[in-house]
């Protein structure tokens, strides 16, 4: 696991092949809620995905 604040890094596999998984913590408003609203989902439908936190952010 690499911290998000790490600006630069280099990976060197210790075997001939390596599989690297890249992930990030999404911004709820811009990465989840906005695309769903744009696709036509209602606030109530979006809120069911993640409970009160998403429900509050979906209102704005």
PDB file of N, CA and C in Angstrom:
ATOM      1  N   UNK A   1       0.854  -1.172   0.000  1.00  0.00           N
ATOM      2  CA  UNK A   1       0.000   0.000   0.000  1.00  0.00           C
ATOM      3  C   UNK A   1       0.897   1.231   0.000  1.00  0.00           C
ATOM      4  N   UNK A   2       0.623   2.136  -0.922  1.00  0.00           N
ATOM      5  CA  UNK A   2       1.366   3.389  -1.014  1.00  0.00           C
ATOM      6  C   UNK A   2       0.459   4.528  -0.572  1.00  0.00           C
ATOM      7  N   UNK A   3       0.961   5.433   0.240  1.00  0.00           N
ATOM      8  CA  UNK A   3       0.127   6.551   0.692  1.00  0.00           C
ATOM      9  C   UNK A   3      -0.193   7.517  -0.452  1.00  0.00           C
ATOM     10  N   UNK A   4      -1.368   8.107  -0.395  1.00  0.00           N
ATOM     11  CA  UNK A   4      -1.801   9.032  -1.443  1.00  0.00           C
ATOM     12  C   UNK A   4      -0.908  10.259  -1.538  1.00  0.00           C
ATOM     13  N   UNK A   5      -0.273  10.654  -0.440  1.00  0.00           N
ATOM     14  CA  UNK A   5       0.571  11.847  -0.436  1.00  0.00           C
ATOM     15  C   UNK A   5       1.931  11.604  -1.095  1.00  0.00           C
ATOM     16  N   UNK A   6       2.241  10.366  -1.384  1.00  0.00           N
ATOM     17  CA  UNK A   6       3.514  10.044  -2.016  1.00  0.00           C
ATOM     18  C   UNK A   6       3.512  10.588  -3.442  1.00  0.00           C
ATOM     19  N   UNK A   7       4.437  11.486  -3.741  1.00  0.00           N
ATOM     20  CA  UNK A   7       4.429  12.131  -5.052  1.00  0.00           C
ATOM     21  C   UNK A   7       5.092  11.287  -6.135  1.00  0.00           C
ATOM     22  N   UNK A   8       6.209  10.668  -5.804  1.00  0.00           N
ATOM     23  CA  UNK A   8       6.959   9.932  -6.802  1.00  0.00           C
ATOM     24  C   UNK A   8       7.403   8.602  -6.231  1.00  0.00           C
ATOM     25  N   UNK A   9       7.357   7.553  -7.034  1.00  0.00           N
ATOM     26  CA  UNK A   9       7.828   6.251  -6.575  1.00  0.00           C
ATOM     27  C   UNK A   9       8.179   5.399  -7.786  1.00  0.00           C
ATOM     28  N   UNK A  10       8.932   4.344  -7.552  1.00  0.00           N
ATOM     29  CA  UNK A  10       9.309   3.412  -8.604  1.00  0.00           C
ATOM     30  C   UNK A  10       9.084   2.005  -8.083  1.00  0.00           C
ATOM     31  N   UNK A  11       8.442   1.181  -8.887  1.00  0.00           N
ATOM     32  CA  UNK A  11       8.207  -0.205  -8.513  1.00  0.00           C
ATOM     33  C   UNK A  11       9.155  -1.092  -9.301  1.00  0.00           C
ATOM     34  N   UNK A  12       9.788  -2.018  -8.619  1.00  0.00           N
ATOM     35  CA  UNK A  12      10.692  -2.960  -9.270  1.00  0.00           C
ATOM     36  C   UNK A  12      10.303  -4.371  -8.842  1.00  0.00           C
ATOM     37  N   UNK A  13       9.719  -5.178  -9.755  1.00  0.00           N
ATOM     38  CA  UNK A  13       9.308  -6.526  -9.377  1.00  0.00           C
ATOM     39  C   UNK A  13      10.510  -7.402  -9.039  1.00  0.00           C
ATOM     40  N   UNK A  14      10.312  -8.303  -8.101  1.00  0.00           N
ATOM     41  CA  UNK A  14      11.396  -9.206  -7.694  1.00  0.00           C
ATOM     42  C   UNK A  14      11.281 -10.551  -8.407  1.00  0.00           C
ATOM     43  N   UNK A  15      10.285 -10.699  -9.253  1.00  0.00           N
ATOM     44  CA  UNK A  15      10.107 -11.892 -10.080  1.00  0.00           C
ATOM     45  C   UNK A  15       9.932 -11.446 -11.523  1.00  0.00           C
ATOM     46  N   UNK A  16       9.850 -12.404 -12.432  1.00  0.00           N
ATOM     47  CA  UNK A  16       9.734 -12.063 -13.856  1.00  0.00           C
ATOM     48  C   UNK A  16       8.448 -11.313 -14.195  1.00  0.00           C
ATOM     49  N   UNK A  17       7.371 -11.621 -13.472  1.00  0.00           N
ATOM     50  CA  UNK A  17       6.088 -10.977 -13.753  1.00  0.00           C
ATOM     51  C   UNK A  17       5.516 -10.410 -12.471  1.00  0.00           C
ATOM     52  N   UNK A  18       4.777  -9.356 -12.616  1.00  0.00           N
ATOM     53  CA  UNK A  18       4.105  -8.760 -11.458  1.00  0.00           C
ATOM     54  C   UNK A  18       2.750  -8.219 -11.903  1.00  0.00           C
ATOM     55  N   UNK A  19       1.783  -8.287 -11.013  1.00  0.00           N
ATOM     56  CA  UNK A  19       0.469  -7.699 -11.260  1.00  0.00           C
ATOM     57  C   UNK A  19       0.293  -6.576 -10.252  1.00  0.00           C
ATOM     58  N   UNK A  20      -0.007  -5.396 -10.739  1.00  0.00           N
ATOM     59  CA  UNK A  20      -0.147  -4.228  -9.878  1.00  0.00           C
ATOM     60  C   UNK A  20      -1.592  -3.747  -9.957  1.00  0.00           C
ATOM     61  N   UNK A  21      -2.174  -3.531  -8.820  1.00  0.00           N
ATOM     62  CA  UNK A  21      -3.545  -3.037  -8.735  1.00  0.00           C
ATOM     63  C   UNK A  21      -3.504  -1.582  -8.294  1.00  0.00           C
ATOM     64  N   UNK A  22      -4.104  -0.723  -9.096  1.00  0.00           N
ATOM     65  CA  UNK A  22      -4.138   0.700  -8.765  1.00  0.00           C
ATOM     66  C   UNK A  22      -5.550   1.056  -8.307  1.00  0.00           C
ATOM     67  N   UNK A  23      -5.639   1.723  -7.193  1.00  0.00           N
ATOM     68  CA  UNK A  23      -6.942   2.107  -6.654  1.00  0.00           C
ATOM     69  C   UNK A  23      -6.838   3.483  -6.007  1.00  0.00           C
ATOM     70  N   UNK A  24      -7.980   4.092  -5.762  1.00  0.00           N
ATOM     71  CA  UNK A  24      -8.015   5.388  -5.090  1.00  0.00           C
ATOM     72  C   UNK A  24      -9.339   5.518  -4.351  1.00  0.00           C
ATOM     73  N   UNK A  25      -9.379   6.427  -3.422  1.00  0.00           N
ATOM     74  CA  UNK A  25     -10.622   6.718  -2.711  1.00  0.00           C
ATOM     75  C   UNK A  25     -11.346   7.794  -3.518  1.00  0.00           C
ATOM     76  N   UNK A  26     -12.530   7.495  -4.032  1.00  0.00           N
ATOM     77  CA  UNK A  26     -13.214   8.465  -4.880  1.00  0.00           C
ATOM     78  C   UNK A  26     -13.764   9.648  -4.089  1.00  0.00           C
ATOM     79  N   UNK A  27     -13.878  10.767  -4.767  1.00  0.00           N
ATOM     80  CA  UNK A  27     -14.568  11.920  -4.214  1.00  0.00           C
ATOM     81  C   UNK A  27     -16.053  11.657  -4.447  1.00  0.00           C
ATOM     82  N   UNK A  28     -16.820  11.528  -3.376  1.00  0.00           N
ATOM     83  CA  UNK A  28     -18.235  11.155  -3.512  1.00  0.00           C
ATOM     84  C   UNK A  28     -19.010  12.082  -4.434  1.00  0.00           C
ATOM     85  N   UNK A  29     -18.796  13.371  -4.275  1.00  0.00           N
ATOM     86  CA  UNK A  29     -19.591  14.337  -5.047  1.00  0.00           C
ATOM     87  C   UNK A  29     -19.244  14.282  -6.540  1.00  0.00           C
ATOM     88  N   UNK A  30     -17.956  14.320  -6.869  1.00  0.00           N
ATOM     89  CA  UNK A  30     -17.571  14.415  -8.284  1.00  0.00           C
ATOM     90  C   UNK A  30     -17.436  13.067  -8.985  1.00  0.00           C
ATOM     91  N   UNK A  31     -17.039  12.029  -8.258  1.00  0.00           N
ATOM     92  CA  UNK A  31     -16.790  10.732  -8.890  1.00  0.00           C
ATOM     93  C   UNK A  31     -17.977   9.769  -8.821  1.00  0.00           C
ATOM     94  N   UNK A  32     -18.908  10.005  -7.914  1.00  0.00           N
ATOM     95  CA  UNK A  32     -20.041   9.087  -7.746  1.00  0.00           C
ATOM     96  C   UNK A  32     -21.370   9.797  -8.005  1.00  0.00           C
ATOM     97  N   UNK A  33     -21.648  10.828  -7.224  1.00  0.00           N
ATOM     98  CA  UNK A  33     -22.969  11.456  -7.275  1.00  0.00           C
ATOM     99  C   UNK A  33     -23.209  12.203  -8.588  1.00  0.00           C
ATOM    100  N   UNK A  34     -22.284  13.044  -8.996  1.00  0.00           N
ATOM    101  CA  UNK A  34     -22.486  13.839 -10.219  1.00  0.00           C
ATOM    102  C   UNK A  34     -22.716  12.967 -11.454  1.00  0.00           C
ATOM    103  N   UNK A  35     -21.903  11.918 -11.695  1.00  0.00           N
ATOM    104  CA  UNK A  35     -22.174  11.085 -12.875  1.00  0.00           C
ATOM    105  C   UNK A  35     -23.533  10.375 -12.814  1.00  0.00           C
ATOM    106  N   UNK A  36     -23.940   9.960 -11.618  1.00  0.00           N
ATOM    107  CA  UNK A  36     -25.242   9.303 -11.490  1.00  0.00           C
ATOM    108  C   UNK A  36     -26.381  10.280 -11.749  1.00  0.00           C
ATOM    109  N   UNK A  37     -26.253  11.517 -11.239  1.00  0.00           N
ATOM    110  CA  UNK A  37     -27.277  12.536 -11.513  1.00  0.00           C
ATOM    111  C   UNK A  37     -27.349  12.825 -13.010  1.00  0.00           C
ATOM    112  N   UNK A  38     -26.178  12.932 -13.637  1.00  0.00           N
ATOM    113  CA  UNK A  38     -26.122  13.215 -15.071  1.00  0.00           C
ATOM    114  C   UNK A  38     -26.758  12.083 -15.879  1.00  0.00           C
ATOM    115  N   UNK A  39     -26.642  10.861 -15.371  1.00  0.00           N
ATOM    116  CA  UNK A  39     -27.232   9.700 -16.049  1.00  0.00           C
ATOM    117  C   UNK A  39     -28.729   9.577 -15.798  1.00  0.00           C
ATOM    118  N   UNK A  40     -29.269  10.481 -14.949  1.00  0.00           N
ATOM    119  CA  UNK A  40     -30.707  10.500 -14.747  1.00  0.00           C
ATOM    120  C   UNK A  40     -31.222   9.831 -13.483  1.00  0.00           C
ATOM    121  N   UNK A  41     -30.323   9.407 -12.601  1.00  0.00           N
ATOM    122  CA  UNK A  41     -30.771   8.788 -11.349  1.00  0.00           C
ATOM    123  C   UNK A  41     -31.263   9.848 -10.372  1.00  0.00           C
ATOM    124  N   UNK A  42     -32.319   9.533  -9.661  1.00  0.00           N
ATOM    125  CA  UNK A  42     -32.896  10.451  -8.675  1.00  0.00           C
ATOM    126  C   UNK A  42     -32.063  10.448  -7.398  1.00  0.00           C
ATOM    127  N   UNK A  43     -32.171  11.552  -6.630  1.00  0.00           N
ATOM    128  CA  UNK A  43     -31.452  11.650  -5.351  1.00  0.00           C
ATOM    129  C   UNK A  43     -31.752  10.467  -4.442  1.00  0.00           C
ATOM    130  N   UNK A  44     -32.990  10.044  -4.424  1.00  0.00           N
ATOM    131  CA  UNK A  44     -33.392   8.932  -3.553  1.00  0.00           C
ATOM    132  C   UNK A  44     -32.698   7.639  -3.960  1.00  0.00           C
ATOM    133  N   UNK A  45     -32.561   7.419  -5.270  1.00  0.00           N
ATOM    134  CA  UNK A  45     -31.873   6.216  -5.754  1.00  0.00           C
ATOM    135  C   UNK A  45     -30.398   6.253  -5.386  1.00  0.00           C
ATOM    136  N   UNK A  46     -29.780   7.411  -5.538  1.00  0.00           N
ATOM    137  CA  UNK A  46     -28.363   7.564  -5.210  1.00  0.00           C
ATOM    138  C   UNK A  46     -28.152   7.374  -3.717  1.00  0.00           C
ATOM    139  N   UNK A  47     -29.038   7.922  -2.915  1.00  0.00           N
ATOM    140  CA  UNK A  47     -28.913   7.828  -1.461  1.00  0.00           C
ATOM    141  C   UNK A  47     -28.952   6.380  -0.985  1.00  0.00           C
ATOM    142  N   UNK A  48     -29.697   5.526  -1.671  1.00  0.00           N
ATOM    143  CA  UNK A  48     -29.780   4.115  -1.273  1.00  0.00           C
ATOM    144  C   UNK A  48     -28.441   3.399  -1.414  1.00  0.00           C
ATOM    145  N   UNK A  49     -27.528   3.935  -2.201  1.00  0.00           N
ATOM    146  CA  UNK A  49     -26.220   3.300  -2.382  1.00  0.00           C
ATOM    147  C   UNK A  49     -25.360   3.356  -1.129  1.00  0.00           C
ATOM    148  N   UNK A  50     -25.427   4.453  -0.383  1.00  0.00           N
ATOM    149  CA  UNK A  50     -24.500   4.605   0.722  1.00  0.00           C
ATOM    150  C   UNK A  50     -25.044   5.241   1.964  1.00  0.00           C
ATOM    151  N   UNK A  51     -26.325   5.284   2.111  1.00  0.00           N
ATOM    152  CA  UNK A  51     -26.891   5.786   3.349  1.00  0.00           C
ATOM    153  C   UNK A  51     -26.811   7.287   3.504  1.00  0.00           C
ATOM    154  N   UNK A  52     -26.718   7.726   4.759  1.00  0.00           N
ATOM    155  CA  UNK A  52     -26.862   9.144   5.084  1.00  0.00           C
ATOM    156  C   UNK A  52     -25.760  10.017   4.499  1.00  0.00           C
ATOM    157  N   UNK A  53     -24.527   9.519   4.419  1.00  0.00           N
ATOM    158  CA  UNK A  53     -23.441  10.350   3.886  1.00  0.00           C
ATOM    159  C   UNK A  53     -23.712  10.717   2.432  1.00  0.00           C
ATOM    160  N   UNK A  54     -24.092   9.759   1.635  1.00  0.00           N
ATOM    161  CA  UNK A  54     -24.391  10.041   0.233  1.00  0.00           C
ATOM    162  C   UNK A  54     -25.683  10.833   0.126  1.00  0.00           C
ATOM    163  N   UNK A  55     -26.654  10.556   0.971  1.00  0.00           N
ATOM    164  CA  UNK A  55     -27.922  11.289   0.936  1.00  0.00           C
ATOM    165  C   UNK A  55     -27.691  12.773   1.161  1.00  0.00           C
ATOM    166  N   UNK A  56     -26.835  13.129   2.113  1.00  0.00           N
ATOM    167  CA  UNK A  56     -26.540  14.540   2.388  1.00  0.00           C
ATOM    168  C   UNK A  56     -25.829  15.177   1.211  1.00  0.00           C
ATOM    169  N   UNK A  57     -24.847  14.493   0.627  1.00  0.00           N
ATOM    170  CA  UNK A  57     -24.083  15.067  -0.479  1.00  0.00           C
ATOM    171  C   UNK A  57     -24.905  15.119  -1.758  1.00  0.00           C
ATOM    172  N   UNK A  58     -25.858  14.208  -1.927  1.00  0.00           N
ATOM    173  CA  UNK A  58     -26.688  14.194  -3.132  1.00  0.00           C
ATOM    174  C   UNK A  58     -27.642  15.379  -3.173  1.00  0.00           C
ATOM    175  N   UNK A  59     -27.946  15.959  -2.018  1.00  0.00           N
ATOM    176  CA  UNK A  59     -28.851  17.115  -1.970  1.00  0.00           C
ATOM    177  C   UNK A  59     -28.212  18.355  -2.563  1.00  0.00           C
ATOM    178  N   UNK A  60     -26.891  18.442  -2.489  1.00  0.00           N
ATOM    179  CA  UNK A  60     -26.230  19.666  -2.976  1.00  0.00           C
ATOM    180  C   UNK A  60     -25.837  19.546  -4.425  1.00  0.00           C
TER     181      UNK A  60
END
